Amino acid sequence: MTTTARPSRRLTLSTALTVVVALLYAWVGFASVGVDRAAGLLGAVAILAARAVTDRSRPAAMVLLVAGAVPLAVLTWWSVATPILALLGLLLGWPRPARS
């Protein structure tokens, strides 16, 4: 009987910080109203989903990350906090190439 090795899911610092950014996005979403609320909550879900699919598909993770981070930053461009959160989310959550 042979078993296939599964990729290990280590909790890295960048993963933990990306989750923190997603939680902050959700917090901004709960504090907002209207379209900003939807963008914040859906953005948080998309950022978390991007981290979840990183091992399976880097392109899908990149699309989810950008789709989650950018809309709230664009909608609240006048704020300082949300564009910085978006930048941090992109920098910390961007999928790295697999090590060989």
PDB file of N, CA and C in Angstrom:
ATOM      1  N   MET A   1       0.841  -1.164   0.000  1.00  0.00           N
ATOM      2  CA  MET A   1       0.000   0.000   0.000  1.00  0.00           C
ATOM      3  C   MET A   1       0.899   1.245   0.000  1.00  0.00           C
ATOM      4  N   THR A   2       0.659   2.125  -0.947  1.00  0.00           N
ATOM      5  CA  THR A   2       1.445   3.349  -1.021  1.00  0.00           C
ATOM      6  C   THR A   2       0.566   4.528  -0.645  1.00  0.00           C
ATOM      7  N   THR A   3       1.181   5.472  -0.034  1.00  0.00           N
ATOM      8  CA  THR A   3       0.462   6.693   0.329  1.00  0.00           C
ATOM      9  C   THR A   3       1.123   7.864  -0.368  1.00  0.00           C
ATOM     10  N   THR A   4       0.333   8.811  -0.733  1.00  0.00           N
ATOM     11  CA  THR A   4       0.879   9.999  -1.373  1.00  0.00           C
ATOM     12  C   THR A   4       1.109  11.056  -0.312  1.00  0.00           C
ATOM     13  N   ALA A   5       2.183  11.762  -0.492  1.00  0.00           N
ATOM     14  CA  ALA A   5       2.519  12.819   0.467  1.00  0.00           C
ATOM     15  C   ALA A   5       1.640  14.037   0.194  1.00  0.00           C
ATOM     16  N   ARG A   6       1.097  14.573   1.223  1.00  0.00           N
ATOM     17  CA  ARG A   6       0.287  15.780   1.112  1.00  0.00           C
ATOM     18  C   ARG A   6       1.166  16.981   1.439  1.00  0.00           C
ATOM     19  N   PRO A   7       0.931  18.092   0.781  1.00  0.00           N
ATOM     20  CA  PRO A   7       1.727  19.279   1.115  1.00  0.00           C
ATOM     21  C   PRO A   7       1.440  19.723   2.547  1.00  0.00           C
ATOM     22  N   SER A   8       2.483  20.050   3.242  1.00  0.00           N
ATOM     23  CA  SER A   8       2.304  20.464   4.638  1.00  0.00           C
ATOM     24  C   SER A   8       1.744  21.878   4.696  1.00  0.00           C
ATOM     25  N   ARG A   9       0.872  22.093   5.618  1.00  0.00           N
ATOM     26  CA  ARG A   9       0.282  23.412   5.815  1.00  0.00           C
ATOM     27  C   ARG A   9       0.886  24.032   7.060  1.00  0.00           C
ATOM     28  N   ARG A  10       1.989  24.695   6.851  1.00  0.00           N
ATOM     29  CA  ARG A  10       2.622  25.383   7.965  1.00  0.00           C
ATOM     30  C   ARG A  10       2.020  26.772   8.111  1.00  0.00           C
ATOM     31  N   LEU A  11       1.871  27.180   9.335  1.00  0.00           N
ATOM     32  CA  LEU A  11       1.410  28.535   9.592  1.00  0.00           C
ATOM     33  C   LEU A  11       2.632  29.442   9.588  1.00  0.00           C
ATOM     34  N   THR A  12       2.737  30.247   8.565  1.00  0.00           N
ATOM     35  CA  THR A  12       3.858  31.167   8.463  1.00  0.00           C
ATOM     36  C   THR A  12       3.440  32.543   8.965  1.00  0.00           C
ATOM     37  N   LEU A  13       4.412  33.372   9.164  1.00  0.00           N
ATOM     38  CA  LEU A  13       4.126  34.728   9.628  1.00  0.00           C
ATOM     39  C   LEU A  13       3.308  35.491   8.591  1.00  0.00           C
ATOM     40  N   SER A  14       3.632  35.326   7.314  1.00  0.00           N
ATOM     41  CA  SER A  14       2.867  36.041   6.286  1.00  0.00           C
ATOM     42  C   SER A  14       1.416  35.554   6.238  1.00  0.00           C
ATOM     43  N   THR A  15       1.188  34.263   6.470  1.00  0.00           N
ATOM     44  CA  THR A  15      -0.181  33.748   6.504  1.00  0.00           C
ATOM     45  C   THR A  15      -0.950  34.350   7.673  1.00  0.00           C
ATOM     46  N   ALA A  16      -0.328  34.368   8.838  1.00  0.00           N
ATOM     47  CA  ALA A  16      -0.986  34.924  10.022  1.00  0.00           C
ATOM     48  C   ALA A  16      -1.296  36.404   9.830  1.00  0.00           C
ATOM     49  N   LEU A  17      -0.371  37.152   9.259  1.00  0.00           N
ATOM     50  CA  LEU A  17      -0.603  38.580   9.054  1.00  0.00           C
ATOM     51  C   LEU A  17      -1.651  38.833   7.969  1.00  0.00           C
ATOM     52  N   THR A  18      -1.709  37.961   6.971  1.00  0.00           N
ATOM     53  CA  THR A  18      -2.751  38.082   5.948  1.00  0.00           C
ATOM     54  C   THR A  18      -4.127  37.852   6.551  1.00  0.00           C
ATOM     55  N   VAL A  19      -4.237  36.907   7.464  1.00  0.00           N
ATOM     56  CA  VAL A  19      -5.507  36.665   8.150  1.00  0.00           C
ATOM     57  C   VAL A  19      -5.883  37.877   8.994  1.00  0.00           C
ATOM     58  N   VAL A  20      -4.913  38.499   9.631  1.00  0.00           N
ATOM     59  CA  VAL A  20      -5.180  39.706  10.421  1.00  0.00           C
ATOM     60  C   VAL A  20      -5.692  40.828   9.506  1.00  0.00           C
ATOM     61  N   VAL A  21      -5.075  40.988   8.331  1.00  0.00           N
ATOM     62  CA  VAL A  21      -5.545  42.007   7.389  1.00  0.00           C
ATOM     63  C   VAL A  21      -6.972  41.698   6.944  1.00  0.00           C
ATOM     64  N   ALA A  22      -7.284  40.432   6.691  1.00  0.00           N
ATOM     65  CA  ALA A  22      -8.648  40.054   6.301  1.00  0.00           C
ATOM     66  C   ALA A  22      -9.640  40.364   7.420  1.00  0.00           C
ATOM     67  N   LEU A  23      -9.256  40.113   8.653  1.00  0.00           N
ATOM     68  CA  LEU A  23     -10.133  40.442   9.784  1.00  0.00           C
ATOM     69  C   LEU A  23     -10.340  41.947   9.911  1.00  0.00           C
ATOM     70  N   LEU A  24      -9.301  42.727   9.653  1.00  0.00           N
ATOM     71  CA  LEU A  24      -9.448  44.181   9.664  1.00  0.00           C
ATOM     72  C   LEU A  24     -10.358  44.649   8.532  1.00  0.00           C
ATOM     73  N   TYR A  25     -10.264  43.985   7.377  1.00  0.00           N
ATOM     74  CA  TYR A  25     -11.181  44.297   6.284  1.00  0.00           C
ATOM     75  C   TYR A  25     -12.624  44.027   6.701  1.00  0.00           C
ATOM     76  N   ALA A  26     -12.845  42.903   7.372  1.00  0.00           N
ATOM     77  CA  ALA A  26     -14.195  42.583   7.846  1.00  0.00           C
ATOM     78  C   ALA A  26     -14.665  43.622   8.859  1.00  0.00           C
ATOM     79  N   TRP A  27     -13.767  44.076   9.723  1.00  0.00           N
ATOM     80  CA  TRP A  27     -14.110  45.093  10.716  1.00  0.00           C
ATOM     81  C   TRP A  27     -14.529  46.395  10.035  1.00  0.00           C
ATOM     82  N   VAL A  28     -13.764  46.799   9.008  1.00  0.00           N
ATOM     83  CA  VAL A  28     -14.126  47.995   8.255  1.00  0.00           C
ATOM     84  C   VAL A  28     -15.478  47.781   7.579  1.00  0.00           C
ATOM     85  N   GLY A  29     -15.710  46.588   7.067  1.00  0.00           N
ATOM     86  CA  GLY A  29     -16.986  46.281   6.427  1.00  0.00           C
ATOM     87  C   GLY A  29     -18.155  46.381   7.387  1.00  0.00           C
ATOM     88  N   PHE A  30     -17.989  45.842   8.590  1.00  0.00           N
ATOM     89  CA  PHE A  30     -19.066  45.923   9.577  1.00  0.00           C
ATOM     90  C   PHE A  30     -19.325  47.364  10.017  1.00  0.00           C
ATOM     91  N   ALA A  31     -18.305  48.203  10.017  1.00  0.00           N
ATOM     92  CA  ALA A  31     -18.460  49.583  10.452  1.00  0.00           C
ATOM     93  C   ALA A  31     -19.011  50.485   9.348  1.00  0.00           C
ATOM     94  N   SER A  32     -19.007  50.015   8.121  1.00  0.00           N
ATOM     95  CA  SER A  32     -19.448  50.828   6.990  1.00  0.00           C
ATOM     96  C   SER A  32     -20.925  50.577   6.679  1.00  0.00           C
ATOM     97  N   VAL A  33     -21.417  51.332   5.717  1.00  0.00           N
ATOM     98  CA  VAL A  33     -22.787  51.146   5.253  1.00  0.00           C
ATOM     99  C   VAL A  33     -22.779  51.060   3.729  1.00  0.00           C
ATOM    100  N   GLY A  34     -23.813  50.444   3.202  1.00  0.00           N
ATOM    101  CA  GLY A  34     -24.003  50.409   1.752  1.00  0.00           C
ATOM    102  C   GLY A  34     -22.981  49.563   1.018  1.00  0.00           C
ATOM    103  N   VAL A  35     -22.489  50.114  -0.077  1.00  0.00           N
ATOM    104  CA  VAL A  35     -21.548  49.403  -0.943  1.00  0.00           C
ATOM    105  C   VAL A  35     -20.231  49.145  -0.224  1.00  0.00           C
ATOM    106  N   ASP A  36     -19.817  50.070   0.629  1.00  0.00           N
ATOM    107  CA  ASP A  36     -18.572  49.887   1.368  1.00  0.00           C
ATOM    108  C   ASP A  36     -18.647  48.664   2.284  1.00  0.00           C
ATOM    109  N   ARG A  37     -19.809  48.435   2.871  1.00  0.00           N
ATOM    110  CA  ARG A  37     -19.983  47.269   3.739  1.00  0.00           C
ATOM    111  C   ARG A  37     -19.820  45.983   2.944  1.00  0.00           C
ATOM    112  N   ALA A  38     -20.457  45.910   1.799  1.00  0.00           N
ATOM    113  CA  ALA A  38     -20.351  44.714   0.959  1.00  0.00           C
ATOM    114  C   ALA A  38     -18.920  44.509   0.476  1.00  0.00           C
ATOM    115  N   ALA A  39     -18.256  45.598   0.077  1.00  0.00           N
ATOM    116  CA  ALA A  39     -16.879  45.487  -0.406  1.00  0.00           C
ATOM    117  C   ALA A  39     -15.939  45.024   0.704  1.00  0.00           C
ATOM    118  N   GLY A  40     -16.147  45.495   1.920  1.00  0.00           N
ATOM    119  CA  GLY A  40     -15.301  45.086   3.032  1.00  0.00           C
ATOM    120  C   GLY A  40     -15.497  43.636   3.417  1.00  0.00           C
ATOM    121  N   LEU A  41     -16.747  43.218   3.521  1.00  0.00           N
ATOM    122  CA  LEU A  41     -17.027  41.842   3.930  1.00  0.00           C
ATOM    123  C   LEU A  41     -16.651  40.837   2.846  1.00  0.00           C
ATOM    124  N   LEU A  42     -17.027  41.143   1.599  1.00  0.00           N
ATOM    125  CA  LEU A  42     -16.655  40.243   0.509  1.00  0.00           C
ATOM    126  C   LEU A  42     -15.145  40.244   0.265  1.00  0.00           C
ATOM    127  N   GLY A  43     -14.514  41.389   0.491  1.00  0.00           N
ATOM    128  CA  GLY A  43     -13.061  41.462   0.360  1.00  0.00           C
ATOM    129  C   GLY A  43     -12.362  40.595   1.394  1.00  0.00           C
ATOM    130  N   ALA A  44     -12.867  40.596   2.613  1.00  0.00           N
ATOM    131  CA  ALA A  44     -12.278  39.754   3.662  1.00  0.00           C
ATOM    132  C   ALA A  44     -12.406  38.274   3.304  1.00  0.00           C
ATOM    133  N   VAL A  45     -13.574  37.898   2.792  1.00  0.00           N
ATOM    134  CA  VAL A  45     -13.785  36.498   2.394  1.00  0.00           C
ATOM    135  C   VAL A  45     -12.855  36.134   1.236  1.00  0.00           C
ATOM    136  N   ALA A  46     -12.703  37.039   0.272  1.00  0.00           N
ATOM    137  CA  ALA A  46     -11.838  36.760  -0.881  1.00  0.00           C
ATOM    138  C   ALA A  46     -10.373  36.659  -0.477  1.00  0.00           C
ATOM    139  N   ILE A  47      -9.927  37.477   0.465  1.00  0.00           N
ATOM    140  CA  ILE A  47      -8.539  37.403   0.929  1.00  0.00           C
ATOM    141  C   ILE A  47      -8.288  36.076   1.636  1.00  0.00           C
ATOM    142  N   LEU A  48      -9.226  35.658   2.469  1.00  0.00           N
ATOM    143  CA  LEU A  48      -9.087  34.360   3.137  1.00  0.00           C
ATOM    144  C   LEU A  48      -9.141  33.215   2.128  1.00  0.00           C
ATOM    145  N   ALA A  49     -10.007  33.329   1.131  1.00  0.00           N
ATOM    146  CA  ALA A  49     -10.080  32.290   0.099  1.00  0.00           C
ATOM    147  C   ALA A  49      -8.792  32.225  -0.711  1.00  0.00           C
ATOM    148  N   ALA A  50      -8.184  33.367  -0.944  1.00  0.00           N
ATOM    149  CA  ALA A  50      -6.911  33.387  -1.678  1.00  0.00           C
ATOM    150  C   ALA A  50      -5.833  32.608  -0.921  1.00  0.00           C
ATOM    151  N   ARG A  51      -5.792  32.782   0.388  1.00  0.00           N
ATOM    152  CA  ARG A  51      -4.816  32.023   1.183  1.00  0.00           C
ATOM    153  C   ARG A  51      -5.138  30.539   1.159  1.00  0.00           C
ATOM    154  N   ALA A  52      -6.413  30.202   1.100  1.00  0.00           N
ATOM    155  CA  ALA A  52      -6.805  28.796   1.127  1.00  0.00           C
ATOM    156  C   ALA A  52      -6.451  28.070  -0.177  1.00  0.00           C
ATOM    157  N   VAL A  53      -6.516  28.756  -1.307  1.00  0.00           N
ATOM    158  CA  VAL A  53      -6.250  28.086  -2.587  1.00  0.00           C
ATOM    159  C   VAL A  53      -4.828  28.280  -3.096  1.00  0.00           C
ATOM    160  N   THR A  54      -3.979  28.924  -2.334  1.00  0.00           N
ATOM    161  CA  THR A  54      -2.622  29.203  -2.785  1.00  0.00           C
ATOM    162  C   THR A  54      -1.864  27.935  -3.159  1.00  0.00           C
ATOM    163  N   ASP A  55      -1.999  26.872  -2.383  1.00  0.00           N
ATOM    164  CA  ASP A  55      -1.265  25.639  -2.671  1.00  0.00           C
ATOM    165  C   ASP A  55      -1.757  24.958  -3.930  1.00  0.00           C
ATOM    166  N   ARG A  56      -3.017  25.130  -4.269  1.00  0.00           N
ATOM    167  CA  ARG A  56      -3.593  24.439  -5.424  1.00  0.00           C
ATOM    168  C   ARG A  56      -3.441  25.213  -6.724  1.00  0.00           C
ATOM    169  N   SER A  57      -3.622  26.534  -6.670  1.00  0.00           N
ATOM    170  CA  SER A  57      -3.592  27.325  -7.900  1.00  0.00           C
ATOM    171  C   SER A  57      -3.113  28.741  -7.598  1.00  0.00           C
ATOM    172  N   ARG A  58      -1.883  29.031  -7.978  1.00  0.00           N
ATOM    173  CA  ARG A  58      -1.353  30.375  -7.753  1.00  0.00           C
ATOM    174  C   ARG A  58      -2.122  31.440  -8.529  1.00  0.00           C
ATOM    175  N   PRO A  59      -2.455  31.205  -9.827  1.00  0.00           N
ATOM    176  CA  PRO A  59      -3.203  32.246 -10.548  1.00  0.00           C
ATOM    177  C   PRO A  59      -4.565  32.547  -9.917  1.00  0.00           C
ATOM    178  N   ALA A  60      -5.257  31.523  -9.465  1.00  0.00           N
ATOM    179  CA  ALA A  60      -6.556  31.756  -8.817  1.00  0.00           C
ATOM    180  C   ALA A  60      -6.375  32.533  -7.523  1.00  0.00           C
ATOM    181  N   ALA A  61      -5.321  32.224  -6.780  1.00  0.00           N
ATOM    182  CA  ALA A  61      -5.053  32.952  -5.543  1.00  0.00           C
ATOM    183  C   ALA A  61      -4.742  34.414  -5.823  1.00  0.00           C
ATOM    184  N   MET A  62      -4.005  34.679  -6.894  1.00  0.00           N
ATOM    185  CA  MET A  62      -3.681  36.063  -7.245  1.00  0.00           C
ATOM    186  C   MET A  62      -4.943  36.847  -7.607  1.00  0.00           C
ATOM    187  N   VAL A  63      -5.816  36.227  -8.395  1.00  0.00           N
ATOM    188  CA  VAL A  63      -7.050  36.894  -8.801  1.00  0.00           C
ATOM    189  C   VAL A  63      -7.934  37.164  -7.584  1.00  0.00           C
ATOM    190  N   LEU A  64      -8.082  36.172  -6.716  1.00  0.00           N
ATOM    191  CA  LEU A  64      -8.898  36.361  -5.510  1.00  0.00           C
ATOM    192  C   LEU A  64      -8.329  37.451  -4.611  1.00  0.00           C
ATOM    193  N   LEU A  65      -7.019  37.477  -4.477  1.00  0.00           N
ATOM    194  CA  LEU A  65      -6.392  38.474  -3.606  1.00  0.00           C
ATOM    195  C   LEU A  65      -6.608  39.890  -4.131  1.00  0.00           C
ATOM    196  N   VAL A  66      -6.385  40.079  -5.421  1.00  0.00           N
ATOM    197  CA  VAL A  66      -6.588  41.412  -6.006  1.00  0.00           C
ATOM    198  C   VAL A  66      -8.067  41.795  -5.958  1.00  0.00           C
ATOM    199  N   ALA A  67      -8.945  40.838  -6.284  1.00  0.00           N
ATOM    200  CA  ALA A  67     -10.384  41.113  -6.260  1.00  0.00           C
ATOM    201  C   ALA A  67     -10.887  41.408  -4.853  1.00  0.00           C
ATOM    202  N   GLY A  68     -10.209  40.880  -3.840  1.00  0.00           N
ATOM    203  CA  GLY A  68     -10.617  41.145  -2.466  1.00  0.00           C
ATOM    204  C   GLY A  68     -10.050  42.435  -1.909  1.00  0.00           C
ATOM    205  N   ALA A  69      -8.829  42.779  -2.289  1.00  0.00           N
ATOM    206  CA  ALA A  69      -8.155  43.916  -1.673  1.00  0.00           C
ATOM    207  C   ALA A  69      -8.466  45.253  -2.347  1.00  0.00           C
ATOM    208  N   VAL A  70      -8.572  45.264  -3.662  1.00  0.00           N
ATOM    209  CA  VAL A  70      -8.637  46.534  -4.387  1.00  0.00           C
ATOM    210  C   VAL A  70      -9.976  47.272  -4.279  1.00  0.00           C
ATOM    211  N   PRO A  71     -11.147  46.611  -4.402  1.00  0.00           N
ATOM    212  CA  PRO A  71     -12.393  47.387  -4.433  1.00  0.00           C
ATOM    213  C   PRO A  71     -12.631  48.291  -3.219  1.00  0.00           C
ATOM    214  N   LEU A  72     -12.383  47.798  -2.024  1.00  0.00           N
ATOM    215  CA  LEU A  72     -12.602  48.638  -0.843  1.00  0.00           C
ATOM    216  C   LEU A  72     -11.633  49.812  -0.825  1.00  0.00           C
ATOM    217  N   ALA A  73     -10.393  49.580  -1.252  1.00  0.00           N
ATOM    218  CA  ALA A  73      -9.417  50.671  -1.295  1.00  0.00           C
ATOM    219  C   ALA A  73      -9.828  51.736  -2.305  1.00  0.00           C
ATOM    220  N   VAL A  74     -10.395  51.315  -3.430  1.00  0.00           N
ATOM    221  CA  VAL A  74     -10.839  52.281  -4.440  1.00  0.00           C
ATOM    222  C   VAL A  74     -12.077  53.035  -3.955  1.00  0.00           C
ATOM    223  N   LEU A  75     -13.010  52.323  -3.342  1.00  0.00           N
ATOM    224  CA  LEU A  75     -14.235  52.972  -2.858  1.00  0.00           C
ATOM    225  C   LEU A  75     -13.971  53.962  -1.723  1.00  0.00           C
ATOM    226  N   THR A  76     -12.963  53.678  -0.928  1.00  0.00           N
ATOM    227  CA  THR A  76     -12.642  54.552   0.210  1.00  0.00           C
ATOM    228  C   THR A  76     -11.264  55.189   0.009  1.00  0.00           C
ATOM    229  N   TRP A  77     -11.021  55.704  -1.184  1.00  0.00           N
ATOM    230  CA  TRP A  77      -9.725  56.270  -1.540  1.00  0.00           C
ATOM    231  C   TRP A  77      -9.349  57.455  -0.656  1.00  0.00           C
ATOM    232  N   TRP A  78     -10.320  58.157  -0.124  1.00  0.00           N
ATOM    233  CA  TRP A  78     -10.080  59.342   0.685  1.00  0.00           C
ATOM    234  C   TRP A  78      -9.543  58.993   2.069  1.00  0.00           C
ATOM    235  N   SER A  79      -9.701  57.751   2.472  1.00  0.00           N
ATOM    236  CA  SER A  79      -9.218  57.306   3.779  1.00  0.00           C
ATOM    237  C   SER A  79      -7.743  56.929   3.674  1.00  0.00           C
ATOM    238  N   VAL A  80      -7.065  56.940   4.778  1.00  0.00           N
ATOM    239  CA  VAL A  80      -5.667  56.499   4.794  1.00  0.00           C
ATOM    240  C   VAL A  80      -5.583  55.015   5.118  1.00  0.00           C
ATOM    241  N   ALA A  81      -6.466  54.544   5.975  1.00  0.00           N
ATOM    242  CA  ALA A  81      -6.349  53.188   6.512  1.00  0.00           C
ATOM    243  C   ALA A  81      -6.635  52.107   5.477  1.00  0.00           C
ATOM    244  N   THR A  82      -7.707  52.230   4.724  1.00  0.00           N
ATOM    245  CA  THR A  82      -8.073  51.128   3.834  1.00  0.00           C
ATOM    246  C   THR A  82      -7.114  50.936   2.661  1.00  0.00           C
ATOM    247  N   PRO A  83      -6.595  51.987   2.015  1.00  0.00           N
ATOM    248  CA  PRO A  83      -5.582  51.726   0.987  1.00  0.00           C
ATOM    249  C   PRO A  83      -4.306  51.098   1.558  1.00  0.00           C
ATOM    250  N   ILE A  84      -3.947  51.468   2.771  1.00  0.00           N
ATOM    251  CA  ILE A  84      -2.769  50.845   3.398  1.00  0.00           C
ATOM    252  C   ILE A  84      -3.061  49.387   3.723  1.00  0.00           C
ATOM    253  N   LEU A  85      -4.268  49.092   4.200  1.00  0.00           N
ATOM    254  CA  LEU A  85      -4.653  47.696   4.434  1.00  0.00           C
ATOM    255  C   LEU A  85      -4.625  46.893   3.131  1.00  0.00           C
ATOM    256  N   ALA A  86      -5.090  47.491   2.051  1.00  0.00           N
ATOM    257  CA  ALA A  86      -5.074  46.800   0.762  1.00  0.00           C
ATOM    258  C   ALA A  86      -3.646  46.511   0.323  1.00  0.00           C
ATOM    259  N   LEU A  87      -2.773  47.489   0.477  1.00  0.00           N
ATOM    260  CA  LEU A  87      -1.370  47.286   0.114  1.00  0.00           C
ATOM    261  C   LEU A  87      -0.727  46.207   0.971  1.00  0.00           C
ATOM    262  N   LEU A  88      -0.998  46.231   2.263  1.00  0.00           N
ATOM    263  CA  LEU A  88      -0.467  45.187   3.148  1.00  0.00           C
ATOM    264  C   LEU A  88      -1.026  43.814   2.782  1.00  0.00           C
ATOM    265  N   GLY A  89      -2.310  43.768   2.467  1.00  0.00           N
ATOM    266  CA  GLY A  89      -2.907  42.499   2.065  1.00  0.00           C
ATOM    267  C   GLY A  89      -2.269  41.938   0.810  1.00  0.00           C
ATOM    268  N   LEU A  90      -1.995  42.815  -0.161  1.00  0.00           N
ATOM    269  CA  LEU A  90      -1.359  42.361  -1.396  1.00  0.00           C
ATOM    270  C   LEU A  90       0.084  41.925  -1.162  1.00  0.00           C
ATOM    271  N   LEU A  91       0.805  42.689  -0.376  1.00  0.00           N
ATOM    272  CA  LEU A  91       2.213  42.341  -0.129  1.00  0.00           C
ATOM    273  C   LEU A  91       2.363  41.069   0.691  1.00  0.00           C
ATOM    274  N   LEU A  92       1.557  40.938   1.721  1.00  0.00           N
ATOM    275  CA  LEU A  92       1.683  39.771   2.599  1.00  0.00           C
ATOM    276  C   LEU A  92       1.025  38.522   2.022  1.00  0.00           C
ATOM    277  N   GLY A  93      -0.052  38.691   1.284  1.00  0.00           N
ATOM    278  CA  GLY A  93      -0.797  37.547   0.802  1.00  0.00           C
ATOM    279  C   GLY A  93      -0.407  37.053  -0.575  1.00  0.00           C
ATOM    280  N   TRP A  94       0.473  37.795  -1.267  1.00  0.00           N
ATOM    281  CA  TRP A  94       0.820  37.406  -2.627  1.00  0.00           C
ATOM    282  C   TRP A  94       1.474  36.025  -2.627  1.00  0.00           C
ATOM    283  N   PRO A  95       0.971  35.092  -3.423  1.00  0.00           N
ATOM    284  CA  PRO A  95       1.514  33.733  -3.426  1.00  0.00           C
ATOM    285  C   PRO A  95       2.944  33.695  -3.946  1.00  0.00           C
ATOM    286  N   ARG A  96       3.782  33.024  -3.200  1.00  0.00           N
ATOM    287  CA  ARG A  96       5.179  32.881  -3.600  1.00  0.00           C
ATOM    288  C   ARG A  96       5.341  31.616  -4.419  1.00  0.00           C
ATOM    289  N   PRO A  97       6.342  31.599  -5.318  1.00  0.00           N
ATOM    290  CA  PRO A  97       6.564  30.377  -6.080  1.00  0.00           C
ATOM    291  C   PRO A  97       6.956  29.223  -5.162  1.00  0.00           C
ATOM    292  N   ALA A  98       6.555  28.034  -5.562  1.00  0.00           N
ATOM    293  CA  ALA A  98       6.875  26.845  -4.752  1.00  0.00           C
ATOM    294  C   ALA A  98       8.371  26.599  -4.775  1.00  0.00           C
ATOM    295  N   ARG A  99       8.898  26.235  -3.626  1.00  0.00           N
ATOM    296  CA  ARG A  99      10.323  25.910  -3.541  1.00  0.00           C
ATOM    297  C   ARG A  99      10.556  24.523  -4.097  1.00  0.00           C
ATOM    298  N   SER A 100      11.655  24.386  -4.816  1.00  0.00           N
ATOM    299  CA  SER A 100      11.937  23.059  -5.363  1.00  0.00           C
ATOM    300  C   SER A 100      13.098  22.396  -4.665  1.00  0.00           C
TER     301      SER A 100
END
